[in-house]
Amino acid sequence: MTLFIPPQKENFLIMNYILRDENAIYYECGYSCDNALFMKLGSESFFLTDGRYQEDAKENVKDATVISKEIYIKRQIELSENLKLKD
């Protein structure tokens, strides 16, 4: 049996996760809506939502960068095209 020990940085466990549940998202950043996604990538946090909630999210989300889902998806498509990734 092999024991997996996750990478650590400065004696802290590096956590990466994605949340879709409104209550869990609210717990993480103090705000949620019916069309949100919360990503924790190491020490950075991102709140993704659509244009309807952008302004409200920018005013209320704590400790996370607010990103438009449309812009995020467009950027991921551009990145995959640049890397010549296939579906």
PDB file of N, CA and C in Angstrom:
ATOM      1  N   MET A   1       0.842  -1.174   0.000  1.00  0.00           N
ATOM      2  CA  MET A   1       0.000   0.000   0.000  1.00  0.00           C
ATOM      3  C   MET A   1       0.892   1.244   0.000  1.00  0.00           C
ATOM      4  N   THR A   2       0.611   2.172  -0.918  1.00  0.00           N
ATOM      5  CA  THR A   2       1.379   3.398  -1.018  1.00  0.00           C
ATOM      6  C   THR A   2       0.589   4.532  -0.382  1.00  0.00           C
ATOM      7  N   LEU A   3       1.218   5.277   0.471  1.00  0.00           N
ATOM      8  CA  LEU A   3       0.580   6.419   1.120  1.00  0.00           C
ATOM      9  C   LEU A   3       0.879   7.660   0.303  1.00  0.00           C
ATOM     10  N   PHE A   4      -0.169   8.350  -0.094  1.00  0.00           N
ATOM     11  CA  PHE A   4       0.001   9.584  -0.856  1.00  0.00           C
ATOM     12  C   PHE A   4       0.038  10.756   0.114  1.00  0.00           C
ATOM     13  N   ILE A   5       1.092  11.528   0.057  1.00  0.00           N
ATOM     14  CA  ILE A   5       1.201  12.727   0.881  1.00  0.00           C
ATOM     15  C   ILE A   5       1.116  13.922  -0.059  1.00  0.00           C
ATOM     16  N   PRO A   6       0.052  14.743   0.086  1.00  0.00           N
ATOM     17  CA  PRO A   6      -0.119  15.887  -0.811  1.00  0.00           C
ATOM     18  C   PRO A   6       1.023  16.889  -0.667  1.00  0.00           C
ATOM     19  N   PRO A   7       1.276  17.661  -1.732  1.00  0.00           N
ATOM     20  CA  PRO A   7       2.347  18.663  -1.650  1.00  0.00           C
ATOM     21  C   PRO A   7       2.048  19.692  -0.572  1.00  0.00           C
ATOM     22  N   GLN A   8       3.084  20.184   0.055  1.00  0.00           N
ATOM     23  CA  GLN A   8       2.916  21.206   1.080  1.00  0.00           C
ATOM     24  C   GLN A   8       3.789  22.402   0.744  1.00  0.00           C
ATOM     25  N   LYS A   9       3.340  23.543   1.177  1.00  0.00           N
ATOM     26  CA  LYS A   9       4.081  24.774   0.962  1.00  0.00           C
ATOM     27  C   LYS A   9       4.136  25.506   2.293  1.00  0.00           C
ATOM     28  N   GLU A  10       5.316  25.778   2.759  1.00  0.00           N
ATOM     29  CA  GLU A  10       5.510  26.486   4.014  1.00  0.00           C
ATOM     30  C   GLU A  10       4.710  25.844   5.146  1.00  0.00           C
ATOM     31  N   ASN A  11       4.738  24.529   5.205  1.00  0.00           N
ATOM     32  CA  ASN A  11       4.070  23.755   6.251  1.00  0.00           C
ATOM     33  C   ASN A  11       2.550  23.846   6.214  1.00  0.00           C
ATOM     34  N   PHE A  12       1.985  24.321   5.119  1.00  0.00           N
ATOM     35  CA  PHE A  12       0.546  24.358   4.968  1.00  0.00           C
ATOM     36  C   PHE A  12       0.142  23.432   3.825  1.00  0.00           C
ATOM     37  N   LEU A  13      -0.930  22.730   4.001  1.00  0.00           N
ATOM     38  CA  LEU A  13      -1.444  21.853   2.966  1.00  0.00           C
ATOM     39  C   LEU A  13      -2.019  22.706   1.838  1.00  0.00           C
ATOM     40  N   ILE A  14      -1.655  22.407   0.607  1.00  0.00           N
ATOM     41  CA  ILE A  14      -2.194  23.127  -0.545  1.00  0.00           C
ATOM     42  C   ILE A  14      -3.532  22.495  -0.913  1.00  0.00           C
ATOM     43  N   MET A  15      -4.577  23.292  -0.906  1.00  0.00           N
ATOM     44  CA  MET A  15      -5.925  22.793  -1.178  1.00  0.00           C
ATOM     45  C   MET A  15      -6.424  23.353  -2.518  1.00  0.00           C
ATOM     46  N   ASN A  16      -6.928  22.467  -3.356  1.00  0.00           N
ATOM     47  CA  ASN A  16      -7.554  22.848  -4.616  1.00  0.00           C
ATOM     48  C   ASN A  16      -8.924  22.200  -4.657  1.00  0.00           C
ATOM     49  N   TYR A  17      -9.967  22.996  -4.888  1.00  0.00           N
ATOM     50  CA  TYR A  17     -11.303  22.426  -4.994  1.00  0.00           C
ATOM     51  C   TYR A  17     -12.238  23.379  -5.732  1.00  0.00           C
ATOM     52  N   ILE A  18     -13.349  22.827  -6.199  1.00  0.00           N
ATOM     53  CA  ILE A  18     -14.385  23.582  -6.894  1.00  0.00           C
ATOM     54  C   ILE A  18     -15.706  23.316  -6.181  1.00  0.00           C
ATOM     55  N   LEU A  19     -16.461  24.384  -5.932  1.00  0.00           N
ATOM     56  CA  LEU A  19     -17.769  24.262  -5.275  1.00  0.00           C
ATOM     57  C   LEU A  19     -18.871  24.731  -6.204  1.00  0.00           C
ATOM     58  N   ARG A  20     -20.007  24.016  -6.170  1.00  0.00           N
ATOM     59  CA  ARG A  20     -21.191  24.423  -6.929  1.00  0.00           C
ATOM     60  C   ARG A  20     -22.383  24.677  -6.025  1.00  0.00           C
ATOM     61  N   ASP A  21     -22.350  24.146  -4.808  1.00  0.00           N
ATOM     62  CA  ASP A  21     -23.452  24.295  -3.865  1.00  0.00           C
ATOM     63  C   ASP A  21     -23.499  25.738  -3.333  1.00  0.00           C
ATOM     64  N   GLU A  22     -24.685  26.373  -3.408  1.00  0.00           N
ATOM     65  CA  GLU A  22     -24.814  27.770  -3.000  1.00  0.00           C
ATOM     66  C   GLU A  22     -24.411  27.999  -1.550  1.00  0.00           C
ATOM     67  N   ASN A  23     -24.800  27.100  -0.654  1.00  0.00           N
ATOM     68  CA  ASN A  23     -24.463  27.265   0.763  1.00  0.00           C
ATOM     69  C   ASN A  23     -22.955  27.157   0.985  1.00  0.00           C
ATOM     70  N   ALA A  24     -22.316  26.213   0.318  1.00  0.00           N
ATOM     71  CA  ALA A  24     -20.868  26.043   0.462  1.00  0.00           C
ATOM     72  C   ALA A  24     -20.129  27.259  -0.095  1.00  0.00           C
ATOM     73  N   ILE A  25     -20.605  27.793  -1.217  1.00  0.00           N
ATOM     74  CA  ILE A  25     -19.989  28.977  -1.810  1.00  0.00           C
ATOM     75  C   ILE A  25     -20.135  30.167  -0.869  1.00  0.00           C
ATOM     76  N   TYR A  26     -21.327  30.332  -0.308  1.00  0.00           N
ATOM     77  CA  TYR A  26     -21.561  31.437   0.622  1.00  0.00           C
ATOM     78  C   TYR A  26     -20.622  31.336   1.827  1.00  0.00           C
ATOM     79  N   TYR A  27     -20.428  30.137   2.313  1.00  0.00           N
ATOM     80  CA  TYR A  27     -19.537  29.925   3.454  1.00  0.00           C
ATOM     81  C   TYR A  27     -18.113  30.370   3.123  1.00  0.00           C
ATOM     82  N   GLU A  28     -17.677  30.121   1.900  1.00  0.00           N
ATOM     83  CA  GLU A  28     -16.305  30.458   1.503  1.00  0.00           C
ATOM     84  C   GLU A  28     -16.077  31.950   1.279  1.00  0.00           C
ATOM     85  N   CYS A  29     -17.073  32.645   0.696  1.00  0.00           N
ATOM     86  CA  CYS A  29     -16.802  34.037   0.304  1.00  0.00           C
ATOM     87  C   CYS A  29     -17.868  35.049   0.716  1.00  0.00           C
ATOM     88  N   GLY A  30     -18.888  34.610   1.443  1.00  0.00           N
ATOM     89  CA  GLY A  30     -19.887  35.550   1.938  1.00  0.00           C
ATOM     90  C   GLY A  30     -20.919  35.983   0.928  1.00  0.00           C
ATOM     91  N   TYR A  31     -20.969  35.315  -0.216  1.00  0.00           N
ATOM     92  CA  TYR A  31     -21.946  35.672  -1.254  1.00  0.00           C
ATOM     93  C   TYR A  31     -22.187  34.455  -2.135  1.00  0.00           C
ATOM     94  N   SER A  32     -23.405  34.336  -2.643  1.00  0.00           N
ATOM     95  CA  SER A  32     -23.711  33.303  -3.625  1.00  0.00           C
ATOM     96  C   SER A  32     -24.926  33.725  -4.433  1.00  0.00           C
ATOM     97  N   CYS A  33     -25.153  33.028  -5.510  1.00  0.00           N
ATOM     98  CA  CYS A  33     -26.308  33.257  -6.370  1.00  0.00           C
ATOM     99  C   CYS A  33     -26.631  31.932  -7.049  1.00  0.00           C
ATOM    100  N   ASP A  34     -27.677  31.920  -7.856  1.00  0.00           N
ATOM    101  CA  ASP A  34     -28.108  30.652  -8.447  1.00  0.00           C
ATOM    102  C   ASP A  34     -27.257  30.200  -9.639  1.00  0.00           C
ATOM    103  N   ASN A  35     -26.286  31.008 -10.042  1.00  0.00           N
ATOM    104  CA  ASN A  35     -25.434  30.627 -11.165  1.00  0.00           C
ATOM    105  C   ASN A  35     -23.990  30.982 -10.833  1.00  0.00           C
ATOM    106  N   ALA A  36     -23.412  30.222  -9.901  1.00  0.00           N
ATOM    107  CA  ALA A  36     -22.054  30.528  -9.453  1.00  0.00           C
ATOM    108  C   ALA A  36     -21.221  29.263  -9.332  1.00  0.00           C
ATOM    109  N   LEU A  37     -19.927  29.472  -9.405  1.00  0.00           N
ATOM    110  CA  LEU A  37     -18.947  28.415  -9.216  1.00  0.00           C
ATOM    111  C   LEU A  37     -17.812  29.044  -8.423  1.00  0.00           C
ATOM    112  N   PHE A  38     -17.314  28.338  -7.411  1.00  0.00           N
ATOM    113  CA  PHE A  38     -16.215  28.837  -6.595  1.00  0.00           C
ATOM    114  C   PHE A  38     -15.035  27.902  -6.760  1.00  0.00           C
ATOM    115  N   MET A  39     -13.869  28.467  -7.086  1.00  0.00           N
ATOM    116  CA  MET A  39     -12.663  27.654  -7.251  1.00  0.00           C
ATOM    117  C   MET A  39     -11.607  28.120  -6.267  1.00  0.00           C
ATOM    118  N   LYS A  40     -11.040  27.175  -5.554  1.00  0.00           N
ATOM    119  CA  LYS A  40      -9.910  27.436  -4.657  1.00  0.00           C
ATOM    120  C   LYS A  40      -8.717  26.722  -5.267  1.00  0.00           C
ATOM    121  N   LEU A  41      -7.709  27.494  -5.667  1.00  0.00           N
ATOM    122  CA  LEU A  41      -6.511  26.941  -6.300  1.00  0.00           C
ATOM    123  C   LEU A  41      -5.309  27.417  -5.503  1.00  0.00           C
ATOM    124  N   GLY A  42      -4.873  26.570  -4.584  1.00  0.00           N
ATOM    125  CA  GLY A  42      -3.783  26.959  -3.699  1.00  0.00           C
ATOM    126  C   GLY A  42      -4.206  28.107  -2.815  1.00  0.00           C
ATOM    127  N   SER A  43      -3.480  29.205  -2.874  1.00  0.00           N
ATOM    128  CA  SER A  43      -3.804  30.359  -2.044  1.00  0.00           C
ATOM    129  C   SER A  43      -4.745  31.339  -2.740  1.00  0.00           C
ATOM    130  N   GLU A  44      -5.136  31.048  -3.977  1.00  0.00           N
ATOM    131  CA  GLU A  44      -6.020  31.941  -4.726  1.00  0.00           C
ATOM    132  C   GLU A  44      -7.442  31.394  -4.777  1.00  0.00           C
ATOM    133  N   SER A  45      -8.413  32.308  -4.740  1.00  0.00           N
ATOM    134  CA  SER A  45      -9.832  31.934  -4.817  1.00  0.00           C
ATOM    135  C   SER A  45     -10.496  32.724  -5.932  1.00  0.00           C
ATOM    136  N   PHE A  46     -11.426  32.056  -6.640  1.00  0.00           N
ATOM    137  CA  PHE A  46     -12.123  32.683  -7.757  1.00  0.00           C
ATOM    138  C   PHE A  46     -13.616  32.401  -7.648  1.00  0.00           C
ATOM    139  N   PHE A  47     -14.427  33.421  -7.880  1.00  0.00           N
ATOM    140  CA  PHE A  47     -15.878  33.310  -7.902  1.00  0.00           C
ATOM    141  C   PHE A  47     -16.311  33.553  -9.341  1.00  0.00           C
ATOM    142  N   LEU A  48     -16.867  32.537  -9.998  1.00  0.00           N
ATOM    143  CA  LEU A  48     -17.307  32.668 -11.382  1.00  0.00           C
ATOM    144  C   LEU A  48     -18.823  32.755 -11.426  1.00  0.00           C
ATOM    145  N   THR A  49     -19.322  33.717 -12.172  1.00  0.00           N
ATOM    146  CA  THR A  49     -20.758  33.855 -12.359  1.00  0.00           C
ATOM    147  C   THR A  49     -21.019  34.518 -13.709  1.00  0.00           C
ATOM    148  N   ASP A  50     -22.289  34.573 -14.106  1.00  0.00           N
ATOM    149  CA  ASP A  50     -22.592  35.207 -15.389  1.00  0.00           C
ATOM    150  C   ASP A  50     -22.801  36.706 -15.203  1.00  0.00           C
ATOM    151  N   GLY A  51     -23.003  37.385 -16.311  1.00  0.00           N
ATOM    152  CA  GLY A  51     -23.102  38.838 -16.318  1.00  0.00           C
ATOM    153  C   GLY A  51     -24.206  39.419 -15.459  1.00  0.00           C
ATOM    154  N   ARG A  52     -25.269  38.660 -15.223  1.00  0.00           N
ATOM    155  CA  ARG A  52     -26.376  39.179 -14.411  1.00  0.00           C
ATOM    156  C   ARG A  52     -25.944  39.510 -12.990  1.00  0.00           C
ATOM    157  N   TYR A  53     -24.960  38.797 -12.482  1.00  0.00           N
ATOM    158  CA  TYR A  53     -24.568  38.948 -11.081  1.00  0.00           C
ATOM    159  C   TYR A  53     -23.205  39.613 -10.905  1.00  0.00           C
ATOM    160  N   GLN A  54     -22.575  40.040 -11.974  1.00  0.00           N
ATOM    161  CA  GLN A  54     -21.213  40.576 -11.915  1.00  0.00           C
ATOM    162  C   GLN A  54     -21.062  41.739 -10.932  1.00  0.00           C
ATOM    163  N   GLU A  55     -21.846  42.774 -11.089  1.00  0.00           N
ATOM    164  CA  GLU A  55     -21.701  43.961 -10.242  1.00  0.00           C
ATOM    165  C   GLU A  55     -21.984  43.643  -8.783  1.00  0.00           C
ATOM    166  N   ASP A  56     -23.058  42.907  -8.524  1.00  0.00           N
ATOM    167  CA  ASP A  56     -23.414  42.543  -7.158  1.00  0.00           C
ATOM    168  C   ASP A  56     -22.315  41.682  -6.532  1.00  0.00           C
ATOM    169  N   ALA A  57     -21.789  40.745  -7.304  1.00  0.00           N
ATOM    170  CA  ALA A  57     -20.727  39.871  -6.803  1.00  0.00           C
ATOM    171  C   ALA A  57     -19.466  40.676  -6.498  1.00  0.00           C
ATOM    172  N   LYS A  58     -19.099  41.602  -7.373  1.00  0.00           N
ATOM    173  CA  LYS A  58     -17.896  42.411  -7.148  1.00  0.00           C
ATOM    174  C   LYS A  58     -17.988  43.211  -5.858  1.00  0.00           C
ATOM    175  N   GLU A  59     -19.201  43.633  -5.499  1.00  0.00           N
ATOM    176  CA  GLU A  59     -19.398  44.406  -4.277  1.00  0.00           C
ATOM    177  C   GLU A  59     -19.435  43.532  -3.030  1.00  0.00           C
ATOM    178  N   ASN A  60     -19.845  42.260  -3.160  1.00  0.00           N
ATOM    179  CA  ASN A  60     -20.110  41.439  -1.979  1.00  0.00           C
ATOM    180  C   ASN A  60     -19.183  40.250  -1.737  1.00  0.00           C
ATOM    181  N   VAL A  61     -18.519  39.766  -2.760  1.00  0.00           N
ATOM    182  CA  VAL A  61     -17.631  38.610  -2.590  1.00  0.00           C
ATOM    183  C   VAL A  61     -16.401  39.035  -1.792  1.00  0.00           C
ATOM    184  N   LYS A  62     -16.073  38.231  -0.790  1.00  0.00           N
ATOM    185  CA  LYS A  62     -14.906  38.513   0.046  1.00  0.00           C
ATOM    186  C   LYS A  62     -13.803  37.490  -0.232  1.00  0.00           C
ATOM    187  N   ASP A  63     -12.580  37.951  -0.297  1.00  0.00           N
ATOM    188  CA  ASP A  63     -11.395  37.090  -0.412  1.00  0.00           C
ATOM    189  C   ASP A  63     -11.384  36.196  -1.651  1.00  0.00           C
ATOM    190  N   ALA A  64     -11.970  36.672  -2.754  1.00  0.00           N
ATOM    191  CA  ALA A  64     -11.938  35.920  -4.007  1.00  0.00           C
ATOM    192  C   ALA A  64     -12.027  36.907  -5.177  1.00  0.00           C
ATOM    193  N   THR A  65     -11.431  36.540  -6.287  1.00  0.00           N
ATOM    194  CA  THR A  65     -11.501  37.336  -7.505  1.00  0.00           C
ATOM    195  C   THR A  65     -12.765  36.954  -8.261  1.00  0.00           C
ATOM    196  N   VAL A  66     -13.577  37.948  -8.630  1.00  0.00           N
ATOM    197  CA  VAL A  66     -14.814  37.699  -9.378  1.00  0.00           C
ATOM    198  C   VAL A  66     -14.490  37.677 -10.863  1.00  0.00           C
ATOM    199  N   ILE A  67     -14.928  36.609 -11.527  1.00  0.00           N
ATOM    200  CA  ILE A  67     -14.664  36.423 -12.953  1.00  0.00           C
ATOM    201  C   ILE A  67     -15.973  36.093 -13.665  1.00  0.00           C
ATOM    202  N   SER A  68     -16.164  36.669 -14.837  1.00  0.00           N
ATOM    203  CA  SER A  68     -17.317  36.353 -15.670  1.00  0.00           C
ATOM    204  C   SER A  68     -17.150  34.966 -16.268  1.00  0.00           C
ATOM    205  N   LYS A  69     -18.175  34.135 -16.159  1.00  0.00           N
ATOM    206  CA  LYS A  69     -18.100  32.787 -16.741  1.00  0.00           C
ATOM    207  C   LYS A  69     -17.864  32.855 -18.244  1.00  0.00           C
ATOM    208  N   GLU A  70     -18.494  33.819 -18.897  1.00  0.00           N
ATOM    209  CA  GLU A  70     -18.343  33.937 -20.344  1.00  0.00           C
ATOM    210  C   GLU A  70     -16.886  34.216 -20.726  1.00  0.00           C
ATOM    211  N   ILE A  71     -16.261  35.118 -20.000  1.00  0.00           N
ATOM    212  CA  ILE A  71     -14.866  35.452 -20.273  1.00  0.00           C
ATOM    213  C   ILE A  71     -13.965  34.266 -19.950  1.00  0.00           C
ATOM    214  N   TYR A  72     -14.258  33.575 -18.848  1.00  0.00           N
ATOM    215  CA  TYR A  72     -13.467  32.415 -18.453  1.00  0.00           C
ATOM    216  C   TYR A  72     -13.543  31.312 -19.521  1.00  0.00           C
ATOM    217  N   ILE A  73     -14.743  31.027 -19.990  1.00  0.00           N
ATOM    218  CA  ILE A  73     -14.915  29.980 -21.004  1.00  0.00           C
ATOM    219  C   ILE A  73     -14.220  30.379 -22.304  1.00  0.00           C
ATOM    220  N   LYS A  74     -14.380  31.645 -22.702  1.00  0.00           N
ATOM    221  CA  LYS A  74     -13.727  32.117 -23.926  1.00  0.00           C
ATOM    222  C   LYS A  74     -12.213  31.971 -23.807  1.00  0.00           C
ATOM    223  N   ARG A  75     -11.665  32.323 -22.655  1.00  0.00           N
ATOM    224  CA  ARG A  75     -10.212  32.225 -22.445  1.00  0.00           C
ATOM    225  C   ARG A  75      -9.741  30.773 -22.476  1.00  0.00           C
ATOM    226  N   GLN A  76     -10.535  29.865 -21.923  1.00  0.00           N
ATOM    227  CA  GLN A  76     -10.158  28.455 -21.938  1.00  0.00           C
ATOM    228  C   GLN A  76     -10.174  27.893 -23.363  1.00  0.00           C
ATOM    229  N   ILE A  77     -11.134  28.331 -24.166  1.00  0.00           N
ATOM    230  CA  ILE A  77     -11.194  27.906 -25.571  1.00  0.00           C
ATOM    231  C   ILE A  77      -9.971  28.418 -26.320  1.00  0.00           C
ATOM    232  N   GLU A  78      -9.626  29.699 -26.111  1.00  0.00           N
ATOM    233  CA  GLU A  78      -8.441  30.256 -26.763  1.00  0.00           C
ATOM    234  C   GLU A  78      -7.182  29.512 -26.348  1.00  0.00           C
ATOM    235  N   LEU A  79      -7.077  29.216 -25.077  1.00  0.00           N
ATOM    236  CA  LEU A  79      -5.909  28.496 -24.571  1.00  0.00           C
ATOM    237  C   LEU A  79      -5.802  27.108 -25.182  1.00  0.00           C
ATOM    238  N   SER A  80      -6.928  26.396 -25.262  1.00  0.00           N
ATOM    239  CA  SER A  80      -6.899  25.051 -25.837  1.00  0.00           C
ATOM    240  C   SER A  80      -6.577  25.104 -27.335  1.00  0.00           C
ATOM    241  N   GLU A  81      -7.050  26.136 -28.017  1.00  0.00           N
ATOM    242  CA  GLU A  81      -6.716  26.271 -29.432  1.00  0.00           C
ATOM    243  C   GLU A  81      -5.228  26.575 -29.615  1.00  0.00           C
ATOM    244  N   ASN A  82      -4.686  27.415 -28.741  1.00  0.00           N
ATOM    245  CA  ASN A  82      -3.254  27.733 -28.817  1.00  0.00           C
ATOM    246  C   ASN A  82      -2.394  26.521 -28.527  1.00  0.00           C
ATOM    247  N   LEU A  83      -2.880  25.658 -27.652  1.00  0.00           N
ATOM    248  CA  LEU A  83      -2.118  24.447 -27.304  1.00  0.00           C
ATOM    249  C   LEU A  83      -2.432  23.295 -28.246  1.00  0.00           C
ATOM    250  N   LYS A  84      -3.393  23.541 -29.158  1.00  0.00           N
ATOM    251  CA  LYS A  84      -3.837  22.534 -30.125  1.00  0.00           C
ATOM    252  C   LYS A  84      -4.350  21.278 -29.438  1.00  0.00           C
ATOM    253  N   LEU A  85      -5.146  21.505 -28.375  1.00  0.00           N
ATOM    254  CA  LEU A  85      -5.766  20.384 -27.670  1.00  0.00           C
ATOM    255  C   LEU A  85      -7.009  19.949 -28.432  1.00  0.00           C
ATOM    256  N   LYS A  86      -7.296  18.674 -28.406  1.00  0.00           N
ATOM    257  CA  LYS A  86      -8.493  18.158 -29.058  1.00  0.00           C
ATOM    258  C   LYS A  86      -9.484  17.723 -27.999  1.00  0.00           C
ATOM    259  N   ASP A  87     -10.771  17.727 -28.377  1.00  0.00           N
ATOM    260  CA  ASP A  87     -11.824  17.297 -27.442  1.00  0.00           C
ATOM    261  C   ASP A  87     -11.674  15.845 -27.092  1.00  0.00           C
TER     262      ASP A  87
END
